[in-house]
Protein backbone atom coordinates (compact mmCIF):
# COMPACT_ATOMS: atom_id res chain seq x y z
CA UNK A 1 106.89 84.74 97.06
CA UNK A 2 106.83 87.98 99.03
CA UNK A 3 103.59 89.31 100.48
CA UNK A 4 103.59 92.27 98.10
CA UNK A 5 104.17 90.00 95.10
CA UNK A 6 101.34 87.74 96.23
CA UNK A 7 99.03 90.73 96.54
CA UNK A 8 100.06 92.07 93.13
CA UNK A 9 99.09 88.72 91.65
CA UNK A 10 95.79 88.70 93.56
CA UNK A 11 95.05 92.25 92.35
CA UNK A 12 95.01 91.10 88.73
CA UNK A 13 91.37 91.32 87.76
CA UNK A 14 89.16 90.85 84.74
CA UNK A 15 88.63 94.60 84.44
CA UNK A 16 91.44 96.94 83.45
CA UNK A 17 90.00 99.70 85.66
CA UNK A 18 90.39 97.52 88.75
CA UNK A 19 93.88 96.43 87.71
CA UNK A 20 94.96 100.07 87.48
CA UNK A 21 93.31 101.15 90.74
CA UNK A 22 94.80 98.28 92.72
CA UNK A 23 98.24 98.65 91.15
CA UNK A 24 98.31 102.34 92.01
CA UNK A 25 97.13 101.62 95.54
CA UNK A 26 99.84 99.01 96.07
CA UNK A 27 102.42 101.51 94.80
CA UNK A 28 101.18 104.57 96.70
CA UNK A 29 98.96 103.61 99.63
CA UNK A 30 99.32 100.03 100.76
CA UNK A 31 102.49 100.74 102.72
CA UNK A 32 100.56 103.16 104.96
CA UNK A 33 98.12 100.48 106.16
CA UNK A 34 98.38 98.93 109.60
CA UNK A 35 98.30 95.13 109.84
CA UNK A 36 94.51 94.97 110.35
CA UNK A 37 93.83 97.16 107.33
CA UNK A 38 96.32 95.12 105.29
CA UNK A 39 94.37 91.98 106.18
CA UNK A 40 91.12 93.72 105.21
CA UNK A 41 92.67 94.67 101.87
CA UNK A 42 93.58 91.03 101.24
CA UNK A 43 90.01 90.01 102.11
CA UNK A 44 88.60 92.83 99.94
CA UNK A 45 90.23 91.20 96.92
CA UNK A 46 87.93 88.19 97.39
CA UNK A 47 84.87 90.26 96.43
CA UNK A 48 83.54 89.94 92.86
CA UNK A 49 84.83 92.44 90.31
CA UNK A 50 81.37 93.95 89.77
CA UNK A 51 81.01 94.80 93.46
CA UNK A 52 84.55 96.17 93.71
CA UNK A 53 84.01 98.37 90.67
CA UNK A 54 80.79 99.83 92.10
CA UNK A 55 82.52 100.59 95.40
CA UNK A 56 85.68 102.03 93.88
CA UNK A 57 83.79 104.18 91.38
CA UNK A 58 81.71 105.55 94.27
CA UNK A 59 78.42 104.34 92.86
CA UNK A 60 77.55 102.43 96.04
CA UNK A 61 79.01 102.35 99.54
CA UNK A 62 80.02 99.20 101.39
CA UNK A 63 77.82 98.58 104.43
CA UNK A 64 80.79 97.56 106.58
CA UNK A 65 82.41 100.75 107.91
CA UNK A 66 85.93 99.27 107.88
CA UNK A 67 85.57 98.18 104.27
CA UNK A 68 84.13 101.60 103.39
CA UNK A 69 87.15 103.28 105.00
CA UNK A 70 89.53 101.05 103.04
CA UNK A 71 87.68 101.73 99.78
CA UNK A 72 88.03 105.45 100.46
CA UNK A 73 91.76 105.02 101.11
CA UNK A 74 92.14 103.20 97.79
CA UNK A 75 90.18 105.89 95.98
CA UNK A 76 92.22 108.66 97.65
CA UNK A 77 95.59 107.09 96.94
CA UNK A 78 94.86 106.88 93.22
CA UNK A 79 93.52 110.40 92.76
CA UNK A 80 95.70 112.65 90.62
């Protein structure tokens, strides 16, 4: 299984909103990440859906600055 296929599978969530955000990010922003940010994205997917949704909707900010930067990249890549 390719890395991108593995990530697509890992991006499947219990919430449609997260599925759509992550799918769009993989299609439009993931390729711009350096290897460290790509590893952070993989680790980000281990967070619970409720936390991810709060971060990605901008309701709360991650305390880790690298995670906050990645969340912003995801949000920016999926904006119309």
